[in-house]
C-alpha atoms as a PDB file:
ATOM      1  CA  MET A   1    -192.034 -81.081  97.103  1.00  0.00           C
ATOM      2  CA  ALA A   2    -193.414 -77.566  97.342  1.00  0.00           C
ATOM      3  CA  HIS A   3    -193.412 -77.879 101.155  1.00  0.00           C
ATOM      4  CA  GLU A   4    -189.740 -78.811 101.152  1.00  0.00           C
ATOM      5  CA  GLU A   5    -188.828 -75.856  98.929  1.00  0.00           C
ATOM      6  CA  ALA A   6    -190.756 -73.477 101.202  1.00  0.00           C
ATOM      7  CA  ARG A   7    -188.911 -74.814 104.239  1.00  0.00           C
ATOM      8  CA  ARG A   8    -185.547 -74.255 102.517  1.00  0.00           C
ATOM      9  CA  ASP A   9    -186.573 -70.702 101.600  1.00  0.00           C
ATOM     10  CA  ARG A  10    -187.518 -69.952 105.212  1.00  0.00           C
ATOM     11  CA  SER A  11    -184.188 -71.404 106.394  1.00  0.00           C
ATOM     12  CA  ALA A  12    -182.317 -69.209 103.951  1.00  0.00           C
ATOM     13  CA  VAL A  13    -184.179 -66.142 105.200  1.00  0.00           C
ATOM     14  CA  VAL A  14    -183.476 -67.037 108.828  1.00  0.00           C
ATOM     15  CA  ASP A  15    -179.802 -67.694 108.101  1.00  0.00           C
ATOM     16  CA  GLY A  16    -179.537 -64.395 106.271  1.00  0.00           C
ATOM     17  CA  GLU A  17    -181.187 -62.487 109.116  1.00  0.00           C
ATOM     18  CA  PHE A  18    -178.937 -64.215 111.660  1.00  0.00           C
ATOM     19  CA  LYS A  19    -175.803 -63.312 109.706  1.00  0.00           C
ATOM     20  CA  GLU A  20    -176.989 -59.714 109.403  1.00  0.00           C
ATOM     21  CA  LEU A  21    -177.705 -59.602 113.143  1.00  0.00           C
ATOM     22  CA  ALA A  22    -174.303 -61.098 113.972  1.00  0.00           C
ATOM     23  CA  THR A  23    -172.585 -58.513 111.766  1.00  0.00           C
ATOM     24  CA  SER A  24    -174.495 -55.709 113.489  1.00  0.00           C
ATOM     25  CA  VAL A  25    -173.554 -57.047 116.923  1.00  0.00           C
ATOM     26  CA  ARG A  26    -169.876 -57.211 115.984  1.00  0.00           C
ATOM     27  CA  LYS A  27    -169.959 -53.641 114.702  1.00  0.00           C
ATOM     28  CA  TRP A  28    -171.672 -52.501 117.912  1.00  0.00           C
ATOM     29  CA  LEU A  29    -169.053 -54.231 120.075  1.00  0.00           C
ATOM     30  CA  VAL A  30    -166.206 -52.595 118.155  1.00  0.00           C
ATOM     31  CA  LEU A  31    -167.891 -49.191 118.374  1.00  0.00           C
ATOM     32  CA  SER A  32    -168.621 -49.613 122.113  1.00  0.00           C
ATOM     33  CA  GLY A  33    -165.030 -50.605 122.801  1.00  0.00           C
ATOM     34  CA  SER A  34    -163.768 -47.524 120.974  1.00  0.00           C
ATOM     35  CA  LYS A  35    -166.131 -45.298 122.964  1.00  0.00           C
ATOM     36  CA  ALA A  36    -165.014 -46.888 126.237  1.00  0.00           C
ATOM     37  CA  LEU A  37    -161.377 -46.272 125.382  1.00  0.00           C
ATOM     38  CA  SER A  38    -162.192 -42.690 124.434  1.00  0.00           C
ATOM     39  CA  LYS A  39    -164.031 -42.137 127.722  1.00  0.00           C
ATOM     40  CA  THR A  40    -161.026 -43.525 129.629  1.00  0.00           C
ATOM     41  CA  ALA A  41    -158.674 -41.175 127.817  1.00  0.00           C
ATOM     42  CA  ILE A  42    -161.033 -38.242 128.397  1.00  0.00           C
ATOM     43  CA  SER A  43    -161.336 -38.995 132.124  1.00  0.00           C
ATOM     44  CA  LYS A  44    -157.542 -39.206 132.474  1.00  0.00           C
ATOM     45  CA  THR A  45    -157.133 -35.940 130.601  1.00  0.00           C
ATOM     46  CA  ALA A  46    -159.777 -34.242 132.743  1.00  0.00           C
ATOM     47  CA  ALA A  47    -158.197 -35.484 135.962  1.00  0.00           C
ATOM     48  CA  ALA A  48    -154.811 -34.178 134.908  1.00  0.00           C
ATOM     49  CA  ALA A  49    -156.319 -30.885 133.729  1.00  0.00           C
ATOM     50  CA  GLU A  50    -157.648 -30.252 137.235  1.00  0.00           C
ATOM     51  CA  ARG A  51    -154.056 -29.934 138.409  1.00  0.00           C
ATOM     52  CA  PRO A  52    -152.732 -26.520 137.388  1.00  0.00           C
ATOM     53  CA  ASP A  53    -149.127 -27.710 137.403  1.00  0.00           C
ATOM     54  CA  VAL A  54    -149.764 -30.411 134.795  1.00  0.00           C
ATOM     55  CA  ARG A  55    -149.648 -29.890 131.057  1.00  0.00           C
ATOM     56  CA  VAL A  56    -151.464 -32.558 129.075  1.00  0.00           C
ATOM     57  CA  SER A  57    -150.735 -33.531 125.503  1.00  0.00           C
ATOM     58  CA  HIS A  58    -153.893 -33.143 123.383  1.00  0.00           C
ATOM     59  CA  GLU A  59    -152.703 -35.983 121.173  1.00  0.00           C
ATOM     60  CA  THR A  60    -152.140 -38.690 123.787  1.00  0.00           C
ATOM     61  CA  GLY A  61    -153.889 -37.413 126.913  1.00  0.00           C
ATOM     62  CA  ARG A  62    -150.798 -38.315 128.960  1.00  0.00           C
ATOM     63  CA  ALA A  63    -149.296 -36.292 131.773  1.00  0.00           C
ATOM     64  CA  PRO A  64    -145.567 -35.472 131.542  1.00  0.00           C
ATOM     65  CA  ALA A  65    -142.923 -37.634 133.154  1.00  0.00           C
ATOM     66  CA  SER A  66    -142.355 -34.984 135.846  1.00  0.00           C
ATOM     67  CA  LEU A  67    -145.288 -36.492 137.740  1.00  0.00           C
ATOM     68  CA  ASP A  68    -143.517 -39.836 138.104  1.00  0.00           C
ATOM     69  CA  HIS A  69    -141.807 -38.752 141.346  1.00  0.00           C
ATOM     70  CA  GLU A  70    -145.080 -37.502 142.839  1.00  0.00           C
ATOM     71  CA  ASP A  71    -146.816 -40.751 141.933  1.00  0.00           C
ATOM     72  CA  ALA A  72    -143.963 -42.782 143.419  1.00  0.00           C
ATOM     73  CA  VAL A  73    -144.063 -40.773 146.648  1.00  0.00           C
ATOM     74  CA  ALA A  74    -147.836 -41.199 146.899  1.00  0.00           C
ATOM     75  CA  ALA A  75    -147.424 -44.966 146.541  1.00  0.00           C
ATOM     76  CA  GLU A  76    -144.860 -45.294 149.341  1.00  0.00           C
ATOM     77  CA  ARG A  77    -145.734 -46.549 152.826  1.00  0.00           C
ATOM     78  CA  PRO A  78    -142.731 -45.308 154.848  1.00  0.00           C
ATOM     79  CA  ALA A  79    -141.889 -45.992 158.474  1.00  0.00           C
ATOM     80  CA  LEU A  80    -139.695 -43.518 160.355  1.00  0.00           C
ATOM     81  CA  LEU A  81    -137.687 -45.130 163.164  1.00  0.00           C
ATOM     82  CA  ILE A  82    -135.343 -42.982 165.277  1.00  0.00           C
ATOM     83  CA  ASP A  83    -132.619 -43.948 167.714  1.00  0.00           C
ATOM     84  CA  ALA A  84    -133.248 -40.909 169.893  1.00  0.00           C
ATOM     85  CA  GLU A  85    -130.115 -41.370 171.979  1.00  0.00           C
ATOM     86  CA  CYS A  86    -127.992 -40.615 168.888  1.00  0.00           C
ATOM     87  CA  VAL A  87    -129.898 -37.595 167.556  1.00  0.00           C
ATOM     88  CA  SER A  88    -130.456 -34.077 168.862  1.00  0.00           C
ATOM     89  CA  SER A  89    -134.135 -33.147 169.206  1.00  0.00           C
ATOM     90  CA  ASP A  90    -133.673 -29.808 167.433  1.00  0.00           C
ATOM     91  CA  ARG A  91    -133.011 -31.682 164.188  1.00  0.00           C
ATOM     92  CA  LEU A  92    -136.303 -33.550 164.227  1.00  0.00           C
ATOM     93  CA  PRO A  93    -138.311 -30.986 162.185  1.00  0.00           C
ATOM     94  CA  HIS A  94    -135.679 -31.070 159.428  1.00  0.00           C
ATOM     95  CA  VAL A  95    -135.635 -34.863 159.450  1.00  0.00           C
ATOM     96  CA  MET A  96    -139.419 -34.981 159.169  1.00  0.00           C
ATOM     97  CA  GLU A  97    -139.423 -32.482 156.305  1.00  0.00           C
ATOM     98  CA  ALA A  98    -136.814 -34.467 154.386  1.00  0.00           C
ATOM     99  CA  VAL A  99    -138.717 -37.729 154.862  1.00  0.00           C
ATOM    100  CA  ARG A 100    -142.019 -36.242 153.703  1.00  0.00           C
ATOM    101  CA  ALA A 101    -140.409 -34.697 150.627  1.00  0.00           C
ATOM    102  CA  ALA A 102    -138.696 -37.933 149.597  1.00  0.00           C
ATOM    103  CA  TYR A 103    -141.189 -40.615 150.673  1.00  0.00           C
ATOM    104  CA  GLY A 104    -144.435 -38.941 151.736  1.00  0.00           C
ATOM    105  CA  ARG A 105    -146.076 -38.778 155.156  1.00  0.00           C
ATOM    106  CA  PRO A 106    -144.759 -41.613 157.339  1.00  0.00           C
ATOM    107  CA  LEU A 107    -147.194 -44.391 158.074  1.00  0.00           C
ATOM    108  CA  ILE A 108    -145.497 -44.951 161.457  1.00  0.00           C
ATOM    109  CA  CYS A 109    -143.180 -42.664 163.441  1.00  0.00           C
ATOM    110  CA  ARG A 110    -141.363 -44.029 166.481  1.00  0.00           C
ATOM    111  CA  ALA A 111    -138.428 -42.884 168.597  1.00  0.00           C
ATOM    112  CA  TYR A 112    -136.482 -45.310 170.822  1.00  0.00           C
ATOM    113  CA  ALA A 113    -134.703 -44.356 174.046  1.00  0.00           C
ATOM    114  CA  ASP A 114    -134.605 -44.716 177.780  1.00  0.00           C
ATOM    115  CA  TRP A 115    -136.938 -41.781 178.303  1.00  0.00           C
ATOM    116  CA  THR A 116    -136.225 -41.695 182.042  1.00  0.00           C
ATOM    117  CA  LYS A 117    -132.942 -39.936 181.280  1.00  0.00           C
ATOM    118  CA  PRO A 118    -133.106 -36.224 182.199  1.00  0.00           C
ATOM    119  CA  GLU A 119    -131.096 -35.192 179.114  1.00  0.00           C
ATOM    120  CA  LEU A 120    -133.928 -36.367 176.862  1.00  0.00           C
ATOM    121  CA  ARG A 121    -136.571 -34.021 178.282  1.00  0.00           C
ATOM    122  CA  ALA A 122    -136.057 -31.603 175.392  1.00  0.00           C
ATOM    123  CA  TRP A 123    -137.513 -34.276 173.120  1.00  0.00           C
ATOM    124  CA  PHE A 124    -140.969 -34.304 174.675  1.00  0.00           C
ATOM    125  CA  ALA A 125    -142.286 -31.126 173.034  1.00  0.00           C
ATOM    126  CA  GLN A 126    -141.029 -32.250 169.620  1.00  0.00           C
ATOM    127  CA  LEU A 127    -142.527 -35.714 170.019  1.00  0.00           C
ATOM    128  CA  ARG A 128    -145.959 -34.243 170.674  1.00  0.00           C
ATOM    129  CA  HIS A 129    -145.658 -31.601 167.972  1.00  0.00           C
ATOM    130  CA  LEU A 130    -144.533 -33.991 165.222  1.00  0.00           C
ATOM    131  CA  GLY A 131    -146.660 -36.966 166.235  1.00  0.00           C
ATOM    132  CA  ILE A 132    -143.761 -39.295 167.027  1.00  0.00           C
ATOM    133  CA  GLN A 133    -144.458 -42.208 169.366  1.00  0.00           C
ATOM    134  CA  PRO A 134    -141.847 -42.671 172.128  1.00  0.00           C
ATOM    135  CA  MET A 135    -140.788 -46.282 172.695  1.00  0.00           C
ATOM    136  CA  GLN A 136    -139.360 -46.923 176.177  1.00  0.00           C
ATOM    137  CA  ASN A 137    -136.354 -49.216 176.694  1.00  0.00           C
ATOM    138  CA  PHE A 138    -134.492 -49.211 179.998  1.00  0.00           C
ATOM    139  CA  ASP A 139    -130.734 -49.072 179.489  1.00  0.00           C
ATOM    140  CA  THR A 140    -128.077 -50.780 181.556  1.00  0.00           C
ATOM    141  CA  PRO A 141    -125.034 -48.829 182.803  1.00  0.00           C
ATOM    142  CA  ASP A 142    -122.949 -50.123 179.897  1.00  0.00           C
ATOM    143  CA  HIS A 143    -125.420 -50.719 177.073  1.00  0.00           C
ATOM    144  CA  SER A 144    -128.171 -48.903 175.195  1.00  0.00           C
ATOM    145  CA  ARG A 145    -130.956 -51.176 174.036  1.00  0.00           C
ATOM    146  CA  SER A 146    -132.637 -48.678 171.723  1.00  0.00           C
ATOM    147  CA  LEU A 147    -131.013 -49.868 168.485  1.00  0.00           C
ATOM    148  CA  VAL A 148    -131.938 -53.484 169.208  1.00  0.00           C
ATOM    149  CA  ALA A 149    -135.564 -52.503 169.876  1.00  0.00           C
ATOM    150  CA  LEU A 150    -135.590 -50.435 166.673  1.00  0.00           C
ATOM    151  CA  ALA A 151    -134.327 -53.421 164.666  1.00  0.00           C
ATOM    152  CA  VAL A 152    -136.963 -55.782 166.074  1.00  0.00           C
ATOM    153  CA  ASP A 153    -139.752 -53.295 165.345  1.00  0.00           C
ATOM    154  CA  ALA A 154    -138.504 -52.643 161.820  1.00  0.00           C
ATOM    155  CA  LEU A 155    -138.869 -56.305 160.875  1.00  0.00           C
ATOM    156  CA  ASP A 156    -142.280 -56.563 162.542  1.00  0.00           C
ATOM    157  CA  LEU A 157    -143.592 -53.472 160.743  1.00  0.00           C
ATOM    158  CA  VAL A 158    -142.670 -54.891 157.344  1.00  0.00           C
ATOM    159  CA  ASP A 159    -144.735 -58.000 158.090  1.00  0.00           C
ATOM    160  CA  HIS A 160    -147.746 -56.408 159.783  1.00  0.00           C
ATOM    161  CA  TYR A 161    -148.138 -52.992 158.114  1.00  0.00           C
ATOM    162  CA  ALA A 162    -146.897 -53.609 154.553  1.00  0.00           C
ATOM    163  CA  VAL A 163    -144.220 -50.942 154.948  1.00  0.00           C
ATOM    164  CA  THR A 164    -142.449 -50.273 151.643  1.00  0.00           C
ATOM    165  CA  CYS A 165    -139.707 -47.981 152.925  1.00  0.00           C
ATOM    166  CA  ALA A 166    -137.824 -47.835 156.228  1.00  0.00           C
ATOM    167  CA  VAL A 167    -136.143 -44.572 157.176  1.00  0.00           C
ATOM    168  CA  LEU A 168    -133.707 -45.234 160.017  1.00  0.00           C
ATOM    169  CA  VAL A 169    -132.343 -42.260 161.916  1.00  0.00           C
ATOM    170  CA  GLY A 170    -129.230 -42.405 164.072  1.00  0.00           C
ATOM    171  CA  ASP A 171    -125.820 -44.062 164.152  1.00  0.00           C
ATOM    172  CA  LEU A 172    -126.516 -47.323 162.308  1.00  0.00           C
ATOM    173  CA  GLY A 173    -122.947 -48.649 162.383  1.00  0.00           C
ATOM    174  CA  ALA A 174    -124.016 -51.791 164.251  1.00  0.00           C
ATOM    175  CA  ALA A 175    -127.196 -52.287 162.207  1.00  0.00           C
ATOM    176  CA  LEU A 176    -125.809 -53.521 158.894  1.00  0.00           C
ATOM    177  CA  PRO A 177    -127.503 -56.947 159.367  1.00  0.00           C
ATOM    178  CA  LEU A 178    -130.830 -55.121 159.786  1.00  0.00           C
ATOM    179  CA  VAL A 179    -130.290 -53.135 156.592  1.00  0.00           C
ATOM    180  CA  THR A 180    -129.391 -56.295 154.685  1.00  0.00           C
ATOM    181  CA  ARG A 181    -132.429 -58.162 156.022  1.00  0.00           C
ATOM    182  CA  LEU A 182    -134.841 -55.340 155.161  1.00  0.00           C
ATOM    183  CA  LYS A 183    -133.515 -55.024 151.623  1.00  0.00           C
ATOM    184  CA  ALA A 184    -133.826 -58.797 151.151  1.00  0.00           C
ATOM    185  CA  THR A 185    -137.585 -58.419 151.711  1.00  0.00           C
ATOM    186  CA  GLY A 186    -137.800 -55.771 148.955  1.00  0.00           C
ATOM    187  CA  VAL A 187    -138.052 -52.790 151.324  1.00  0.00           C
ATOM    188  CA  LYS A 188    -136.265 -49.544 150.495  1.00  0.00           C
ATOM    189  CA  VAL A 189    -133.901 -48.471 153.247  1.00  0.00           C
ATOM    190  CA  ALA A 190    -132.729 -44.916 153.895  1.00  0.00           C
ATOM    191  CA  VAL A 191    -130.456 -43.810 156.709  1.00  0.00           C
ATOM    192  CA  ILE A 192    -130.319 -40.294 158.109  1.00  0.00           C
ATOM    193  CA  GLY A 193    -127.459 -39.963 160.545  1.00  0.00           C
ATOM    194  CA  PRO A 194    -124.028 -38.597 161.349  1.00  0.00           C
ATOM    195  CA  ALA A 195    -121.150 -38.808 158.906  1.00  0.00           C
ATOM    196  CA  SER A 196    -119.560 -41.351 161.252  1.00  0.00           C
ATOM    197  CA  ASN A 197    -121.838 -44.067 159.825  1.00  0.00           C
ATOM    198  CA  PRO A 198    -119.442 -46.600 158.230  1.00  0.00           C
ATOM    199  CA  ASP A 199    -118.976 -46.994 154.493  1.00  0.00           C
ATOM    200  CA  ASP A 200    -120.482 -50.481 154.341  1.00  0.00           C
ATOM    201  CA  VAL A 201    -123.764 -49.145 155.745  1.00  0.00           C
ATOM    202  CA  ARG A 202    -123.761 -46.256 153.276  1.00  0.00           C
ATOM    203  CA  ARG A 203    -123.201 -48.621 150.364  1.00  0.00           C
ATOM    204  CA  ALA A 204    -125.879 -51.050 151.528  1.00  0.00           C
ATOM    205  CA  VAL A 205    -128.739 -48.530 151.865  1.00  0.00           C
ATOM    206  CA  ASP A 206    -130.704 -46.982 149.021  1.00  0.00           C
ATOM    207  CA  GLU A 207    -130.013 -43.483 150.327  1.00  0.00           C
ATOM    208  CA  PHE A 208    -127.803 -42.003 153.013  1.00  0.00           C
ATOM    209  CA  VAL A 209    -128.291 -38.432 154.253  1.00  0.00           C
ATOM    210  CA  ASP A 210    -125.819 -36.718 156.532  1.00  0.00           C
ATOM    211  CA  ILE A 211    -128.028 -35.284 159.245  1.00  0.00           C
ATOM    212  CA  ALA A 212    -125.756 -32.240 159.563  1.00  0.00           C
ATOM    213  CA  SER A 213    -126.569 -31.302 155.954  1.00  0.00           C
ATOM    214  CA  LEU A 214    -130.262 -31.028 156.846  1.00  0.00           C
ATOM    215  CA  ARG A 215    -129.450 -28.477 159.501  1.00  0.00           C
ATOM    216  CA  GLU A 216    -127.277 -26.486 157.106  1.00  0.00           C
ATOM    217  CA  THR A 217    -130.050 -26.499 154.503  1.00  0.00           C
ATOM    218  CA  ALA A 218    -132.510 -25.212 157.098  1.00  0.00           C
ATOM    219  CA  ARG A 219    -130.130 -22.372 158.005  1.00  0.00           C
ATOM    220  CA  ARG A 220    -129.795 -21.313 154.360  1.00  0.00           C
ATOM    221  CA  THR A 221    -133.573 -21.239 153.939  1.00  0.00           C
ATOM    222  CA  GLY A 222    -134.142 -19.244 157.098  1.00  0.00           C
ATOM    223  CA  GLY A 223    -134.946 -22.215 159.330  1.00  0.00           C
ATOM    224  CA  ARG A 224    -138.427 -22.672 157.836  1.00  0.00           C
ATOM    225  CA  HIS A 225    -139.995 -26.127 158.027  1.00  0.00           C
ATOM    226  CA  ARG A 226    -143.305 -27.840 157.682  1.00  0.00           C
ATOM    227  CA  ALA A 227    -144.705 -29.305 160.876  1.00  0.00           C
END
């Protein structure tokens, strides 16, 4: 009888110690979780504080909404595709500046033309300077094949390079099916080209920029641009 009572006493002690240990563990887990959250908030605040243009709220540790555009640009993977036979080479620096400001540095830059044509020689210096890859397509006397080659590449790039934004430069009047197909895959589409681009193309794209307006903006700012 005494042995049985002693065993019950030991069991009670063990159960009590286990409950006390379990309570301590729960408290430690709660405290550790709070510390981890605090460290996360501190690290975010410190990272934002390193940027002189960012003001951080001491209450929430959040950066202001003005950074949303910068974050969105940093997340983009744009491809710049140019129908060179429809664009003057002297507008390329302004096009590149506009693309970088809106979507970040292009993942891929290509220009399509029959580069054997003497009138396109002025492009060569700009292609080298801006890092644009020339894509050769021999034309026939009656037809330019550059826009077709651009369309084929645009669809391939979405599949193989995870492009999130396609910036198409030129007269895209015949490329409405391409715009529609790209948007169906979830890709943003912007067109930079002459005002002669038809209304249905302008309505279909996410952004249309009259290429002449880029040149006028450059004139007003003294023709400065980033290479």
